[in-house]
Amino acid sequence: MVAALVPPPQFDDATFETYRADPEHPSQQEAKDRLIAFSRGGAPAERGGLFRRAKKAPEMKPGVYLDGGFGVGKTHLLASIYHAMPARRKYFGSFIEYTALVGALGYQKTVELFRGADLLCIDEFELDDPGDTMVMTRLIGELVPTGTKLAATSNTPPNALGEGRFAAQDFLREIHAMASSFETIRIDGTDYRQRAIDGHAVVLTDDAYAQALTDASAVGTASDDDFSGLIRHLASVHPSRYIRLIEGLDTIGLRGVAELDDQSAALRFVAFVDRAYDAQIPVRATGEGLDGVFAPEMLAGGYRKKYLRAISRLNALTHS
């Protein structure tokens, strides 16, 4: 599990140079410049002339928190920090991977594992479970004083985590303590995954689906599962293990996609989609369009951003 704490394969070569900031959204270039400075240890001081004292650059906090919508390149920038920072010990993982590690090793062993680390990158900081709030804030609180730098992404600013999801006031102190460790960097923009597609997931007929899986099987390994069966199976596996379900797969086949009306099942499917997207595995499906898999009331609730991110990723995977 520890060896897997590196950027996903699609970001193996991610650099600040390959991140193309959209000129229509200046915050992207501003975020890029700020993160380059962070990865180098801080922004350079402005030079002074013979009779002018150089201005000292503002001191950076031990962590940066990149806030923005889905598809604006947050994970690319996070991976760029990982690759650019000259650190001896550095780790990159999703929020769920870190909490799963605590569950497997125990809290104290996890602290000892990361103690002395130069950099911890946390992708998609989510607080769906109040218990995770306490675990991650405690972990951050123990690592920051030892010199560990932090970089995180999320769709929600640090001081708003938990809003619309659970009784955030019960954990307000922990959330605020976590937020104080980060400099929040906002990045605006449009979802890059939607720029080259029509905005809807591809739906295949039964015959086209069968042909697609036949073609995929000729050059690699393809799965072929009933959608409802997959949803039931996900309930029996811890989300941290979903990566095992797709290991070795080159194509994912889903028959009879239907709208989900159970929140727990929907959130498990989101976690599965995240793992499939990280691995860049194409999806072929029949039934309802995967962009309509989450019920309208879910899209209007506290997990709206999470579901919209999953829809964006599903659309991209059905077009790949």
Protein backbone atom coordinates (compact mmCIF):
# COMPACT_ATOMS: atom_id res chain seq x y z
CA MET A 1 0.00 0.00 0.00
CA VAL A 2 2.86 2.36 0.80
CA ALA A 3 4.66 1.56 -2.46
CA ALA A 4 1.49 2.54 -4.33
CA LEU A 5 1.59 6.09 -2.92
CA VAL A 6 2.81 7.66 -6.15
CA PRO A 7 0.95 9.65 -8.85
CA PRO A 8 -1.40 7.63 -11.11
CA PRO A 9 0.23 6.35 -14.36
CA GLN A 10 -1.43 9.06 -16.44
CA PHE A 11 0.52 11.64 -14.40
CA ASP A 12 3.90 9.90 -14.51
CA ASP A 13 5.24 12.68 -16.70
CA ALA A 14 3.19 15.58 -15.36
CA THR A 15 5.21 18.78 -15.02
CA PHE A 16 4.48 22.46 -14.63
CA GLU A 17 5.70 22.90 -18.21
CA THR A 18 3.07 20.51 -19.57
CA TYR A 19 0.26 22.22 -17.66
CA ARG A 20 -1.36 24.59 -20.17
CA ALA A 21 -3.00 27.44 -18.32
CA ASP A 22 -6.15 28.78 -19.98
CA PRO A 23 -5.59 32.50 -20.72
CA GLU A 24 -9.31 33.09 -20.22
CA HIS A 25 -8.88 32.07 -16.57
CA PRO A 26 -5.87 33.96 -15.10
CA SER A 27 -6.15 32.08 -11.81
CA GLN A 28 -4.70 29.01 -13.55
CA GLN A 29 -1.39 30.72 -14.34
CA GLU A 30 -1.37 32.38 -10.92
CA ALA A 31 -1.85 29.00 -9.26
CA LYS A 32 0.87 27.46 -11.41
CA ASP A 33 3.37 30.20 -10.50
CA ARG A 34 2.54 29.94 -6.81
CA LEU A 35 2.94 26.17 -6.83
CA ILE A 36 6.28 26.37 -8.64
CA ALA A 37 7.46 28.65 -5.85
CA PHE A 38 6.10 26.24 -3.24
CA SER A 39 7.89 23.28 -4.81
CA ARG A 40 11.14 25.27 -4.66
CA GLY A 41 10.69 26.16 -1.04
CA GLY A 42 9.09 29.59 -1.40
CA ALA A 43 8.79 32.56 -3.73
CA PRO A 44 12.05 34.39 -4.54
CA ALA A 45 12.48 37.81 -2.98
CA GLU A 46 12.21 40.83 -5.22
CA ARG A 47 15.61 42.27 -6.11
CA GLY A 48 16.56 45.65 -4.70
CA GLY A 49 18.55 48.42 -6.36
CA LEU A 50 21.44 50.41 -4.91
CA PHE A 51 19.13 52.61 -2.88
CA ARG A 52 16.15 50.32 -2.57
CA ARG A 53 15.75 47.49 -0.13
CA ALA A 54 14.47 44.26 -1.67
CA LYS A 55 10.98 43.32 -0.62
CA LYS A 56 10.77 40.09 1.25
CA ALA A 57 8.44 37.52 -0.32
CA PRO A 58 5.49 36.55 1.85
CA GLU A 59 6.18 33.52 3.99
CA MET A 60 4.45 30.40 2.73
CA LYS A 61 2.50 28.08 4.95
CA PRO A 62 3.63 24.46 5.22
CA GLY A 63 0.79 23.39 2.95
CA VAL A 64 -0.99 24.48 -0.20
CA TYR A 65 -4.61 23.66 -0.84
CA LEU A 66 -5.70 23.84 -4.48
CA ASP A 67 -9.42 24.53 -4.65
CA GLY A 68 -11.42 24.40 -7.85
CA GLY A 69 -14.02 22.55 -9.86
CA PHE A 70 -13.47 19.21 -11.52
CA GLY A 71 -11.50 19.07 -14.75
CA VAL A 72 -9.39 22.22 -14.25
CA GLY A 73 -6.10 20.34 -13.82
CA LYS A 74 -5.75 20.19 -10.04
CA THR A 75 -4.35 16.65 -10.01
CA HIS A 76 -1.92 17.53 -12.83
CA LEU A 77 -0.59 20.41 -10.74
CA LEU A 78 -0.43 18.24 -7.62
CA ALA A 79 1.60 15.62 -9.49
CA SER A 80 3.81 18.41 -10.82
CA ILE A 81 4.63 19.43 -7.24
CA TYR A 82 5.47 15.81 -6.44
CA HIS A 83 7.83 15.50 -9.40
CA ALA A 84 9.39 18.95 -9.01
CA MET A 85 10.10 19.01 -5.30
CA PRO A 86 13.64 17.71 -4.58
CA ALA A 87 12.51 15.53 -1.70
CA ARG A 88 14.07 12.32 -0.43
CA ARG A 89 10.83 10.97 1.00
CA LYS A 90 7.60 12.01 -0.66
CA TYR A 91 4.18 10.40 -1.03
CA PHE A 92 1.19 10.93 -3.32
CA GLY A 93 -2.19 9.39 -2.68
CA SER A 94 -5.91 9.95 -2.69
CA PHE A 95 -7.64 10.84 0.56
CA ILE A 96 -9.18 7.38 0.72
CA GLU A 97 -5.77 5.71 0.30
CA TYR A 98 -4.38 7.52 3.33
CA THR A 99 -7.37 6.72 5.52
CA ALA A 100 -7.22 3.09 4.36
CA LEU A 101 -3.56 2.98 5.36
CA VAL A 102 -4.48 4.18 8.85
CA GLY A 103 -7.11 1.44 8.98
CA ALA A 104 -4.61 -1.23 7.94
CA LEU A 105 -1.60 -0.17 10.04
CA GLY A 106 -3.20 1.69 12.90
CA TYR A 107 -2.89 5.39 13.58
CA GLN A 108 0.39 5.41 15.52
CA LYS A 109 2.21 3.19 13.03
CA THR A 110 1.02 5.43 10.21
CA VAL A 111 2.37 8.48 12.01
CA GLU A 112 5.73 6.76 12.46
CA LEU A 113 5.72 5.75 8.79
CA PHE A 114 5.28 9.33 7.58
CA ARG A 115 7.29 11.05 10.30
CA GLY A 116 10.22 12.82 8.68
CA ALA A 117 8.64 12.74 5.21
CA ASP A 118 9.46 15.79 3.11
CA LEU A 119 6.17 15.94 1.20
CA LEU A 120 2.67 14.52 1.46
CA CYS A 121 0.34 15.03 -1.53
CA ILE A 122 -3.35 14.37 -0.84
CA ASP A 123 -5.64 14.25 -3.86
CA GLU A 124 -9.40 14.91 -3.56
CA PHE A 125 -9.56 15.74 0.13
CA GLU A 126 -13.03 14.52 1.05
CA LEU A 127 -14.70 14.28 4.43
CA ASP A 128 -17.64 11.97 3.84
CA ASP A 129 -17.13 10.33 7.23
CA PRO A 130 -16.72 12.53 10.33
CA GLY A 131 -14.23 9.99 11.67
CA ASP A 132 -11.95 10.66 8.70
CA THR A 133 -11.96 14.33 9.65
CA MET A 134 -10.40 13.58 13.00
CA VAL A 135 -7.93 11.03 11.62
CA MET A 136 -6.56 13.28 8.88
CA THR A 137 -6.44 16.46 10.96
CA ARG A 138 -4.60 14.61 13.71
CA LEU A 139 -2.17 13.14 11.19
CA ILE A 140 -1.53 16.55 9.63
CA GLY A 141 -1.16 18.08 13.07
CA GLU A 142 1.57 15.61 14.00
CA LEU A 143 3.50 15.83 10.73
CA VAL A 144 3.60 19.61 10.12
CA PRO A 145 5.72 20.39 13.23
CA THR A 146 8.32 17.86 12.04
CA GLY A 147 8.83 19.73 8.76
CA THR A 148 6.56 17.83 6.40
CA LYS A 149 5.20 19.91 3.51
CA LEU A 150 1.61 19.31 2.45
CA ALA A 151 -0.16 19.71 -0.88
CA ALA A 152 -3.83 18.87 -1.36
CA THR A 153 -6.66 19.22 -3.83
CA SER A 154 -10.40 19.28 -3.32
CA ASN A 155 -13.59 20.72 -4.74
CA THR A 156 -14.30 22.57 -1.50
CA PRO A 157 -12.24 25.16 0.42
CA PRO A 158 -10.75 23.87 3.73
CA ASN A 159 -13.02 25.92 6.00
CA ALA A 160 -16.12 24.68 4.15
CA LEU A 161 -15.40 20.96 4.26
CA GLY A 162 -18.35 19.02 5.55
CA GLU A 163 -20.97 21.61 4.62
CA GLY A 164 -24.16 19.91 3.50
CA ARG A 165 -22.78 16.48 4.38
CA PHE A 166 -22.79 16.07 8.14
CA ALA A 167 -22.99 18.17 11.31
CA ALA A 168 -19.82 20.12 10.57
CA GLN A 169 -20.16 22.21 13.73
CA ASP A 170 -19.20 19.14 15.77
CA PHE A 171 -15.83 19.10 14.02
CA LEU A 172 -15.41 22.82 13.43
CA ARG A 173 -12.35 23.07 15.62
CA GLU A 174 -10.58 20.22 13.82
CA ILE A 175 -11.51 21.55 10.38
CA HIS A 176 -10.27 25.04 11.21
CA ALA A 177 -7.04 23.67 12.65
CA MET A 178 -6.44 21.83 9.40
CA ALA A 179 -7.24 24.88 7.31
CA SER A 180 -4.68 26.98 9.18
CA SER A 181 -1.91 24.74 7.85
CA PHE A 182 -2.75 25.51 4.23
CA GLU A 183 -2.56 28.45 1.89
CA THR A 184 -5.70 28.18 -0.22
CA ILE A 185 -5.09 28.67 -3.92
CA ARG A 186 -8.18 29.06 -6.09
CA ILE A 187 -8.19 27.81 -9.67
CA ASP A 188 -11.11 28.54 -12.00
CA GLY A 189 -11.89 27.19 -15.44
CA THR A 190 -13.99 24.82 -17.49
CA ASP A 191 -13.80 21.04 -17.39
CA TYR A 192 -11.09 20.12 -19.90
CA ARG A 193 -12.59 16.65 -20.30
CA GLN A 194 -15.68 18.18 -21.90
CA ARG A 195 -13.84 20.27 -24.48
CA ALA A 196 -13.42 17.45 -26.98
CA ILE A 197 -16.68 15.51 -26.43
CA ASP A 198 -20.37 16.25 -26.77
CA GLY A 199 -21.06 16.23 -23.04
CA HIS A 200 -22.88 12.89 -22.91
CA ALA A 201 -21.68 9.39 -22.17
CA VAL A 202 -21.65 6.96 -25.09
CA VAL A 203 -24.41 4.31 -24.91
CA LEU A 204 -24.04 1.18 -27.04
CA THR A 205 -26.66 -1.17 -28.40
CA ASP A 206 -26.40 -4.81 -27.32
CA ASP A 207 -24.81 -5.77 -30.65
CA ALA A 208 -22.36 -2.86 -30.61
CA TYR A 209 -21.47 -3.68 -27.02
CA ALA A 210 -20.76 -7.33 -27.85
CA GLN A 211 -18.60 -6.28 -30.80
CA ALA A 212 -16.73 -3.71 -28.69
CA LEU A 213 -15.85 -6.30 -26.05
CA THR A 214 -14.84 -8.82 -28.73
CA ASP A 215 -12.51 -6.25 -30.24
CA ALA A 216 -11.13 -5.28 -26.83
CA SER A 217 -10.55 -8.92 -25.86
CA ALA A 218 -8.54 -9.47 -29.02
CA VAL A 219 -5.88 -7.02 -27.86
CA GLY A 220 -6.21 -7.09 -24.08
CA THR A 221 -8.39 -8.05 -21.12
CA ALA A 222 -11.99 -6.88 -20.91
CA SER A 223 -14.55 -7.32 -18.14
CA ASP A 224 -18.24 -7.95 -18.82
CA ASP A 225 -20.53 -7.31 -15.86
CA ASP A 226 -24.17 -6.60 -15.22
CA PHE A 227 -24.33 -3.09 -13.74
CA SER A 228 -26.57 -4.07 -10.81
CA GLY A 229 -24.24 -6.99 -10.07
CA LEU A 230 -21.25 -4.66 -9.94
CA ILE A 231 -23.06 -2.30 -7.58
CA ARG A 232 -23.89 -5.22 -5.24
CA HIS A 233 -20.31 -6.45 -5.32
CA LEU A 234 -18.88 -3.03 -4.49
CA ALA A 235 -20.84 -3.16 -1.23
CA SER A 236 -18.83 -6.21 -0.18
CA VAL A 237 -15.39 -4.68 -0.85
CA HIS A 238 -13.73 -1.80 1.00
CA PRO A 239 -13.26 1.17 -1.36
CA SER A 240 -9.51 1.11 -0.72
CA ARG A 241 -9.49 -2.29 -2.44
CA TYR A 242 -11.34 -1.21 -5.59
CA ILE A 243 -8.03 -0.83 -7.38
CA ARG A 244 -7.63 -4.61 -7.09
CA LEU A 245 -10.89 -5.11 -8.99
CA ILE A 246 -9.53 -3.41 -12.09
CA GLU A 247 -5.93 -4.59 -12.02
CA GLY A 248 -4.95 -6.01 -15.40
CA LEU A 249 -8.08 -4.73 -17.16
CA ASP A 250 -7.84 -2.88 -20.47
CA THR A 251 -11.59 -2.33 -20.92
CA ILE A 252 -14.54 -2.27 -18.52
CA GLY A 253 -17.88 -3.56 -19.82
CA LEU A 254 -21.15 -2.73 -18.06
CA ARG A 255 -24.50 -4.11 -19.18
CA GLY A 256 -27.85 -2.59 -18.25
CA VAL A 257 -26.76 0.64 -16.60
CA ALA A 258 -29.60 2.05 -14.49
CA GLU A 259 -30.14 5.13 -12.36
CA LEU A 260 -28.94 4.81 -8.76
CA ASP A 261 -31.25 5.99 -6.01
CA ASP A 262 -29.28 4.77 -3.00
CA GLN A 263 -26.72 7.26 -1.70
CA SER A 264 -24.33 4.67 -0.26
CA ALA A 265 -24.31 2.68 -3.50
CA ALA A 266 -23.78 5.88 -5.48
CA LEU A 267 -20.80 6.94 -3.37
CA ARG A 268 -19.22 3.51 -3.72
CA PHE A 269 -19.66 3.75 -7.48
CA VAL A 270 -17.98 7.17 -7.42
CA ALA A 271 -14.97 5.62 -5.66
CA PHE A 272 -14.88 2.87 -8.30
CA VAL A 273 -15.04 5.44 -11.11
CA ASP A 274 -12.15 7.36 -9.56
CA ARG A 275 -9.96 4.26 -9.60
CA ALA A 276 -10.93 3.43 -13.19
CA TYR A 277 -10.20 6.99 -14.26
CA ASP A 278 -6.83 7.02 -12.52
CA ALA A 279 -5.96 3.89 -14.50
CA GLN A 280 -7.45 5.37 -17.69
CA ILE A 281 -9.49 2.24 -18.49
CA PRO A 282 -12.10 2.77 -21.24
CA VAL A 283 -15.72 1.94 -20.35
CA ARG A 284 -18.27 0.38 -22.72
CA ALA A 285 -21.87 0.31 -21.55
CA THR A 286 -25.49 -0.39 -22.44
CA GLY A 287 -28.73 0.78 -20.81
CA GLU A 288 -29.00 4.28 -19.39
CA GLY A 289 -26.28 6.78 -20.17
CA LEU A 290 -23.65 6.83 -17.43
CA ASP A 291 -24.01 10.61 -17.28
CA GLY A 292 -27.53 10.03 -15.92
CA VAL A 293 -26.66 7.34 -13.39
CA PHE A 294 -27.14 9.59 -10.34
CA ALA A 295 -30.71 10.51 -9.40
CA PRO A 296 -31.66 14.24 -9.63
CA GLU A 297 -32.12 14.53 -5.88
CA MET A 298 -28.53 13.31 -5.41
CA LEU A 299 -27.22 16.00 -7.75
CA ALA A 300 -29.06 18.58 -5.66
CA GLY A 301 -27.58 17.35 -2.38
CA GLY A 302 -24.38 17.77 -0.41
CA TYR A 303 -22.38 15.40 -2.62
CA ARG A 304 -23.23 17.28 -5.82
CA LYS A 305 -19.62 18.14 -6.68
CA LYS A 306 -18.54 14.57 -6.16
CA TYR A 307 -21.22 13.21 -8.48
CA LEU A 308 -20.53 15.82 -11.15
CA ARG A 309 -16.84 14.94 -11.10
CA ALA A 310 -17.72 11.26 -11.54
CA ILE A 311 -20.04 12.10 -14.46
CA SER A 312 -17.26 14.08 -16.11
CA ARG A 313 -14.88 11.16 -15.74
CA LEU A 314 -17.43 8.61 -16.95
CA ASN A 315 -18.11 10.68 -20.05
CA ALA A 316 -14.41 10.79 -20.83
CA LEU A 317 -13.95 7.05 -20.29
CA THR A 318 -16.85 6.09 -22.57
CA HIS A 319 -15.32 8.25 -25.32
CA SER A 320 -11.79 6.86 -24.89
